[in-house]
N, C-alpha and C. Protein backbone atom coordinates (compact mmCIF):
# COMPACT_ATOMS: atom_id res chain seq x y z
N MET A 1 -95.11 -44.61 -112.68
CA MET A 1 -96.50 -44.95 -112.20
C MET A 1 -97.30 -43.51 -111.68
N SER A 2 -98.23 -43.80 -112.03
CA SER A 2 -99.13 -42.69 -112.11
C SER A 2 -100.04 -42.87 -110.37
N ASN A 3 -100.48 -41.55 -109.75
CA ASN A 3 -101.00 -41.27 -108.65
C ASN A 3 -102.34 -41.09 -108.55
N ALA A 4 -103.09 -41.10 -110.05
CA ALA A 4 -104.44 -40.63 -110.35
C ALA A 4 -105.11 -42.19 -109.99
N PRO A 5 -106.60 -41.83 -109.32
CA PRO A 5 -107.16 -43.15 -108.96
C PRO A 5 -107.40 -43.81 -110.15
N SER A 6 -107.61 -45.26 -110.13
CA SER A 6 -108.27 -45.86 -110.95
C SER A 6 -109.81 -45.80 -111.46
N ALA A 7 -110.11 -46.27 -112.47
CA ALA A 7 -111.76 -46.36 -112.34
C ALA A 7 -112.26 -47.38 -111.97
N ASN A 8 -111.36 -48.20 -111.50
CA ASN A 8 -111.84 -49.80 -110.38
C ASN A 8 -111.48 -49.11 -109.07
N ALA A 9 -110.74 -48.15 -108.88
CA ALA A 9 -110.72 -47.81 -106.98
C ALA A 9 -112.10 -47.68 -106.53
N GLU A 10 -112.19 -48.37 -105.22
CA GLU A 10 -113.04 -48.17 -104.49
C GLU A 10 -113.53 -46.98 -103.86
N ARG A 11 -114.71 -46.41 -103.99
CA ARG A 11 -115.05 -45.08 -103.11
C ARG A 11 -114.93 -45.47 -101.45
N PRO A 12 -114.13 -44.11 -101.15
CA PRO A 12 -114.08 -44.25 -99.70
C PRO A 12 -115.42 -44.33 -98.86
N GLU A 13 -115.91 -45.06 -97.88
CA GLU A 13 -117.12 -45.36 -97.54
C GLU A 13 -117.39 -43.87 -96.59
N LEU A 14 -118.71 -43.43 -96.67
CA LEU A 14 -118.99 -41.84 -96.16
C LEU A 14 -119.28 -42.45 -94.67
N LEU A 15 -118.82 -41.44 -93.69
CA LEU A 15 -119.74 -41.72 -92.35
C LEU A 15 -120.81 -41.24 -92.70
N PRO A 16 -121.53 -41.46 -91.55
CA PRO A 16 -123.04 -40.93 -91.45
C PRO A 16 -122.97 -39.50 -90.96
N ASN A 17 -123.76 -38.50 -91.41
CA ASN A 17 -123.89 -37.41 -90.47
C ASN A 17 -124.89 -37.08 -89.97
N GLY A 18 -125.68 -38.00 -89.96
CA GLY A 18 -127.33 -37.62 -89.46
C GLY A 18 -127.24 -37.21 -87.93
N SER A 19 -126.24 -37.67 -87.19
CA SER A 19 -126.49 -37.11 -85.99
C SER A 19 -126.07 -35.72 -86.05
N ALA A 20 -125.27 -35.34 -86.57
CA ALA A 20 -125.02 -33.61 -86.82
C ALA A 20 -125.74 -33.10 -87.41
N ALA A 21 -126.71 -33.07 -88.64
CA ALA A 21 -127.74 -32.98 -88.88
C ALA A 21 -128.80 -32.80 -87.93
N ALA A 22 -129.31 -33.53 -87.36
CA ALA A 22 -130.02 -33.64 -86.45
C ALA A 22 -129.55 -32.30 -84.81
N ALA A 23 -128.22 -32.31 -84.54
CA ALA A 23 -128.06 -31.16 -84.05
C ALA A 23 -128.36 -29.97 -84.48
N VAL A 24 -127.71 -29.96 -85.83
CA VAL A 24 -128.17 -28.53 -86.37
C VAL A 24 -129.49 -28.12 -87.04
N LEU A 25 -130.47 -28.96 -87.18
CA LEU A 25 -131.76 -28.53 -87.47
C LEU A 25 -132.70 -28.65 -86.12
N SER A 26 -132.37 -29.35 -85.18
CA SER A 26 -132.75 -29.03 -83.68
C SER A 26 -132.94 -27.86 -83.17
N ALA A 27 -131.66 -27.34 -83.53
CA ALA A 27 -131.20 -25.56 -82.68
C ALA A 27 -132.04 -24.97 -83.52
N GLY A 28 -132.34 -24.79 -84.90
CA GLY A 28 -133.30 -24.23 -85.45
C GLY A 28 -134.47 -24.11 -85.04
N ILE A 29 -135.12 -25.65 -85.09
CA ILE A 29 -136.60 -25.52 -84.27
C ILE A 29 -136.73 -25.29 -82.79
N GLY A 30 -135.60 -25.22 -81.65
CA GLY A 30 -135.91 -24.90 -80.58
C GLY A 30 -135.86 -23.21 -81.10
N SER A 31 -135.06 -22.84 -81.62
CA SER A 31 -135.15 -21.33 -81.64
C SER A 31 -136.47 -20.78 -81.96
N LEU A 32 -137.23 -21.50 -83.04
CA LEU A 32 -138.54 -21.19 -83.42
C LEU A 32 -139.11 -21.26 -82.50
N ALA A 33 -139.37 -22.00 -81.53
CA ALA A 33 -140.03 -22.79 -80.48
C ALA A 33 -139.94 -21.68 -79.49
N LEU A 34 -138.62 -21.03 -79.25
CA LEU A 34 -138.62 -19.92 -78.24
C LEU A 34 -139.44 -18.88 -78.71
N ALA A 35 -139.17 -18.48 -80.09
CA ALA A 35 -140.23 -17.27 -80.39
C ALA A 35 -141.56 -17.22 -80.63
N LEU A 36 -142.04 -18.68 -80.77
CA LEU A 36 -143.47 -18.93 -80.83
C LEU A 36 -144.07 -18.71 -79.51
N ILE A 37 -143.47 -19.21 -78.69
CA ILE A 37 -143.78 -19.48 -77.46
C ILE A 37 -144.01 -18.15 -76.62
N ASN A 38 -142.90 -17.32 -76.93
CA ASN A 38 -142.55 -15.87 -76.07
C ASN A 38 -143.68 -15.29 -76.60
N ALA A 39 -144.10 -15.29 -78.30
CA ALA A 39 -145.05 -14.22 -78.75
C ALA A 39 -146.67 -14.70 -78.12
N ILE A 40 -146.73 -16.34 -78.18
CA ILE A 40 -147.84 -16.15 -77.67
C ILE A 40 -148.04 -15.83 -76.12
N ALA A 41 -147.01 -15.93 -75.35
CA ALA A 41 -147.23 -15.51 -74.22
C ALA A 41 -147.42 -13.77 -73.86
N ASP A 42 -146.78 -13.30 -74.99
CA ASP A 42 -147.01 -11.74 -74.99
C ASP A 42 -148.16 -11.50 -75.05
N ARG A 43 -149.27 -12.44 -75.77
CA ARG A 43 -150.55 -12.03 -76.29
C ARG A 43 -151.67 -12.39 -75.07
N THR A 44 -151.20 -13.55 -74.56
CA THR A 44 -152.21 -14.11 -73.76
C THR A 44 -151.75 -14.32 -72.20
N ALA A 45 -152.77 -13.19 -71.51
CA ALA A 45 -152.62 -13.18 -70.11
C ALA A 45 -152.64 -14.71 -69.37
N ALA A 46 -153.34 -15.60 -69.39
CA ALA A 46 -153.69 -16.96 -68.95
C ALA A 46 -152.13 -17.87 -69.31
N PHE A 47 -151.69 -17.74 -70.50
CA PHE A 47 -150.76 -18.23 -70.75
C PHE A 47 -149.63 -17.82 -70.31
N LYS A 48 -149.50 -16.60 -70.22
CA LYS A 48 -148.16 -15.75 -69.53
C LYS A 48 -148.26 -16.39 -67.79
N LEU A 49 -149.07 -16.32 -67.35
CA LEU A 49 -149.33 -16.89 -65.86
C LEU A 49 -148.98 -18.15 -65.77
N LEU A 50 -149.43 -19.12 -66.38
CA LEU A 50 -148.94 -20.31 -66.57
C LEU A 50 -147.28 -20.63 -66.95
N LEU A 51 -146.94 -19.82 -67.43
CA LEU A 51 -145.32 -20.04 -67.74
C LEU A 51 -144.60 -19.43 -66.72
N THR A 52 -145.23 -18.89 -65.74
CA THR A 52 -144.26 -18.25 -64.77
C THR A 52 -143.85 -19.13 -63.88
N PHE A 53 -142.58 -20.05 -63.58
CA PHE A 53 -142.19 -20.97 -62.97
C PHE A 53 -141.65 -20.22 -61.73
N SER A 54 -141.00 -19.33 -61.89
CA SER A 54 -140.07 -18.45 -60.98
C SER A 54 -140.62 -17.05 -61.12
N LYS A 55 -141.27 -16.76 -59.87
CA LYS A 55 -141.71 -15.26 -59.55
C LYS A 55 -140.75 -14.27 -60.09
N PRO A 56 -139.40 -14.41 -59.14
CA PRO A 56 -138.29 -13.18 -59.73
C PRO A 56 -138.00 -13.03 -61.19
N VAL A 57 -138.56 -14.15 -62.16
CA VAL A 57 -138.24 -14.18 -63.21
C VAL A 57 -139.01 -13.79 -64.47
N GLY A 58 -140.38 -14.22 -64.18
CA GLY A 58 -141.54 -14.11 -64.56
C GLY A 58 -141.96 -14.92 -65.76
N PRO A 59 -142.32 -14.85 -66.56
CA PRO A 59 -142.83 -15.72 -67.41
C PRO A 59 -141.85 -16.18 -68.62
N LEU A 60 -140.92 -15.35 -68.51
CA LEU A 60 -139.26 -15.84 -69.59
C LEU A 60 -138.77 -16.98 -68.98
N SER A 61 -138.99 -17.39 -67.51
CA SER A 61 -138.65 -18.91 -67.09
C SER A 61 -139.20 -20.05 -67.22
N GLY A 62 -140.44 -19.67 -67.77
CA GLY A 62 -141.47 -21.10 -68.50
C GLY A 62 -141.29 -20.92 -69.91
N VAL A 63 -140.83 -19.93 -70.42
CA VAL A 63 -140.35 -19.50 -71.95
C VAL A 63 -139.43 -20.42 -72.45
N THR A 64 -138.64 -20.04 -71.52
CA THR A 64 -137.08 -20.60 -71.75
C THR A 64 -137.11 -22.24 -71.33
N THR A 65 -137.68 -22.55 -70.67
CA THR A 65 -137.59 -23.92 -70.47
C THR A 65 -138.66 -24.85 -71.17
N ILE A 66 -139.38 -24.41 -71.56
CA ILE A 66 -140.42 -24.86 -72.53
C ILE A 66 -139.64 -25.23 -74.00
N ALA A 67 -138.94 -23.85 -74.21
CA ALA A 67 -138.15 -24.16 -75.60
C ALA A 67 -137.29 -24.86 -75.64
N VAL A 68 -136.34 -25.16 -74.40
CA VAL A 68 -135.11 -25.80 -74.23
C VAL A 68 -136.20 -27.68 -74.40
N VAL A 69 -137.05 -27.81 -73.69
CA VAL A 69 -137.58 -29.06 -73.90
C VAL A 69 -137.71 -29.29 -75.28
N PHE A 70 -138.59 -28.43 -76.28
CA PHE A 70 -138.51 -28.35 -77.67
C PHE A 70 -137.33 -29.02 -78.12
N TRP A 71 -136.36 -28.48 -78.25
CA TRP A 71 -135.03 -28.31 -78.57
C TRP A 71 -134.66 -29.84 -78.56
N ILE A 72 -134.33 -30.05 -76.94
CA ILE A 72 -134.18 -31.59 -76.89
C ILE A 72 -135.30 -32.68 -77.32
N ALA A 73 -136.10 -32.24 -77.67
CA ALA A 73 -137.11 -33.19 -77.94
C ALA A 73 -137.06 -33.37 -79.37
N ALA A 74 -136.56 -32.06 -79.98
CA ALA A 74 -136.65 -32.49 -81.50
C ALA A 74 -135.05 -33.12 -81.89
N TRP A 75 -134.09 -33.10 -81.00
CA TRP A 75 -132.78 -33.25 -81.18
C TRP A 75 -132.91 -34.93 -80.89
N ILE A 76 -133.61 -35.17 -80.13
CA ILE A 76 -133.47 -36.57 -79.75
C ILE A 76 -134.47 -37.44 -80.98
N PHE A 77 -135.31 -36.89 -81.15
CA PHE A 77 -136.24 -37.40 -82.28
C PHE A 77 -135.34 -37.55 -83.67
N LEU A 78 -134.62 -36.55 -83.80
CA LEU A 78 -134.28 -36.68 -85.25
C LEU A 78 -132.96 -37.33 -85.13
N ASP A 79 -132.10 -37.16 -84.06
CA ASP A 79 -131.09 -38.24 -84.11
C ASP A 79 -131.33 -39.95 -84.09
N LEU A 80 -132.62 -40.21 -83.75
CA LEU A 80 -132.98 -41.47 -83.35
C LEU A 80 -133.44 -41.76 -85.24
N LEU A 81 -133.74 -40.93 -85.83
CA LEU A 81 -134.42 -41.03 -87.32
C LEU A 81 -133.21 -41.07 -88.05
N TRP A 82 -132.48 -40.30 -87.92
CA TRP A 82 -130.96 -39.92 -88.77
C TRP A 82 -129.94 -40.28 -88.56
N LYS A 83 -129.79 -41.29 -87.17
CA LYS A 83 -128.62 -41.54 -86.91
C LYS A 83 -127.11 -42.70 -87.75
N ARG A 84 -127.94 -43.11 -88.66
CA ARG A 84 -127.04 -44.18 -89.36
C ARG A 84 -126.97 -43.79 -91.08
N ARG A 85 -127.86 -42.20 -91.49
CA ARG A 85 -127.82 -42.00 -92.44
C ARG A 85 -126.96 -40.90 -92.88
N GLU A 86 -126.58 -40.88 -94.03
CA GLU A 86 -125.70 -39.30 -94.61
C GLU A 86 -126.97 -38.53 -95.62
N LEU A 87 -126.80 -37.27 -94.86
CA LEU A 87 -127.60 -36.45 -95.13
C LEU A 87 -127.33 -35.36 -96.16
N PRO A 88 -127.88 -34.74 -96.97
CA PRO A 88 -127.24 -33.53 -97.29
C PRO A 88 -127.22 -31.99 -96.37
N LEU A 89 -126.14 -31.95 -96.08
CA LEU A 89 -125.96 -31.26 -94.88
C LEU A 89 -126.19 -29.30 -95.44
N SER A 90 -125.78 -29.18 -96.72
CA SER A 90 -126.13 -27.86 -96.84
C SER A 90 -127.59 -27.49 -96.88
N ARG A 91 -128.30 -28.57 -97.43
CA ARG A 91 -129.81 -28.23 -97.28
C ARG A 91 -130.50 -28.20 -96.03
N ILE A 92 -130.04 -28.87 -95.18
CA ILE A 92 -130.41 -28.93 -93.44
C ILE A 92 -129.98 -27.69 -92.60
N GLY A 93 -128.76 -27.29 -93.35
CA GLY A 93 -128.23 -26.19 -92.68
C GLY A 93 -128.68 -24.76 -93.38
N TRP A 94 -129.12 -24.58 -94.54
CA TRP A 94 -130.24 -23.67 -94.91
C TRP A 94 -131.51 -23.65 -94.27
N GLY A 95 -132.07 -24.66 -93.87
CA GLY A 95 -133.34 -24.82 -93.35
C GLY A 95 -133.13 -24.45 -92.07
N ALA A 96 -131.76 -24.47 -91.24
CA ALA A 96 -131.92 -24.07 -89.69
C ALA A 96 -131.73 -22.75 -89.83
N ILE A 97 -130.85 -22.21 -90.83
CA ILE A 97 -130.79 -20.79 -91.00
C ILE A 97 -132.26 -20.05 -90.95
N ALA A 98 -133.30 -20.74 -92.18
CA ALA A 98 -134.20 -20.24 -92.26
C ALA A 98 -135.15 -20.08 -91.06
N LEU A 99 -135.24 -21.31 -90.07
CA LEU A 99 -135.51 -21.29 -88.83
C LEU A 99 -135.17 -19.96 -87.97
N PHE A 100 -133.91 -20.05 -87.99
CA PHE A 100 -133.22 -18.77 -87.37
C PHE A 100 -133.63 -17.43 -87.45
N VAL A 101 -133.78 -17.17 -88.98
CA VAL A 101 -134.19 -15.63 -89.42
C VAL A 101 -135.46 -15.60 -88.79
N LEU A 102 -136.27 -16.56 -89.27
CA LEU A 102 -138.05 -16.45 -89.32
C LEU A 102 -138.09 -16.50 -87.56
N SER A 103 -137.15 -16.97 -86.58
CA SER A 103 -137.68 -16.57 -85.10
C SER A 103 -136.83 -15.25 -84.65
N LEU A 104 -136.04 -15.07 -85.25
CA LEU A 104 -135.32 -13.65 -85.24
C LEU A 104 -136.53 -12.44 -85.83
N LEU A 105 -137.33 -12.61 -86.71
CA LEU A 105 -138.22 -11.82 -87.13
C LEU A 105 -139.73 -11.77 -86.45
N LEU A 106 -139.85 -13.09 -85.63
CA LEU A 106 -140.91 -13.01 -84.71
C LEU A 106 -140.84 -12.45 -83.22
N THR A 107 -139.50 -11.96 -82.92
CA THR A 107 -139.02 -11.59 -81.97
C THR A 107 -138.86 -10.11 -82.32
N PHE A 108 -139.10 -9.43 -83.63
CA PHE A 108 -138.62 -8.06 -83.56
C PHE A 108 -140.04 -7.50 -83.28
N PRO A 109 -140.16 -6.66 -82.29
CA PRO A 109 -141.16 -5.87 -82.01
C PRO A 109 -142.16 -5.10 -83.55
N PRO A 110 -141.91 -4.68 -84.26
CA PRO A 110 -142.73 -4.25 -85.37
C PRO A 110 -143.14 -5.09 -86.26
N LEU A 111 -142.82 -6.53 -86.43
CA LEU A 111 -143.15 -7.76 -86.97
C LEU A 111 -143.96 -8.71 -86.05
N ALA A 112 -143.51 -8.86 -84.56
CA ALA A 112 -144.32 -9.78 -83.75
C ALA A 112 -145.87 -8.73 -83.49
N ASP A 113 -146.06 -7.36 -83.71
CA ASP A 113 -147.17 -7.02 -83.03
C ASP A 113 -147.98 -7.02 -84.10
N LEU A 114 -147.42 -7.40 -85.39
CA LEU A 114 -148.65 -7.94 -86.45
C LEU A 114 -149.45 -9.16 -86.35
N PHE A 115 -149.14 -9.68 -85.57
CA PHE A 115 -149.67 -10.93 -85.21
C PHE A 115 -150.81 -11.13 -83.97
């Protein structure tokens, strides 16, 4: 008797990975939001003042708070959209890595000063 799967054997049902994909991609979106909000706050005095939620911390308190709101909103939206789906995690992972790299570049002073 052979242990090889027969041609008629049913494929095991794949578990949906949409929630995991939503978590990964939303982390990239949140990091990009942090970099963009920080870059805008550095350039605009009125926006910097608006983002000062706590005087001892300064505008960083607003920058991080708003970035976290973007991250959670993206996570909830993508999770609702993808919850029951099987998605290509490698493409979503590479997209998240691209967003992380872009956010790092936007916070690197010589590159950030170009904008």
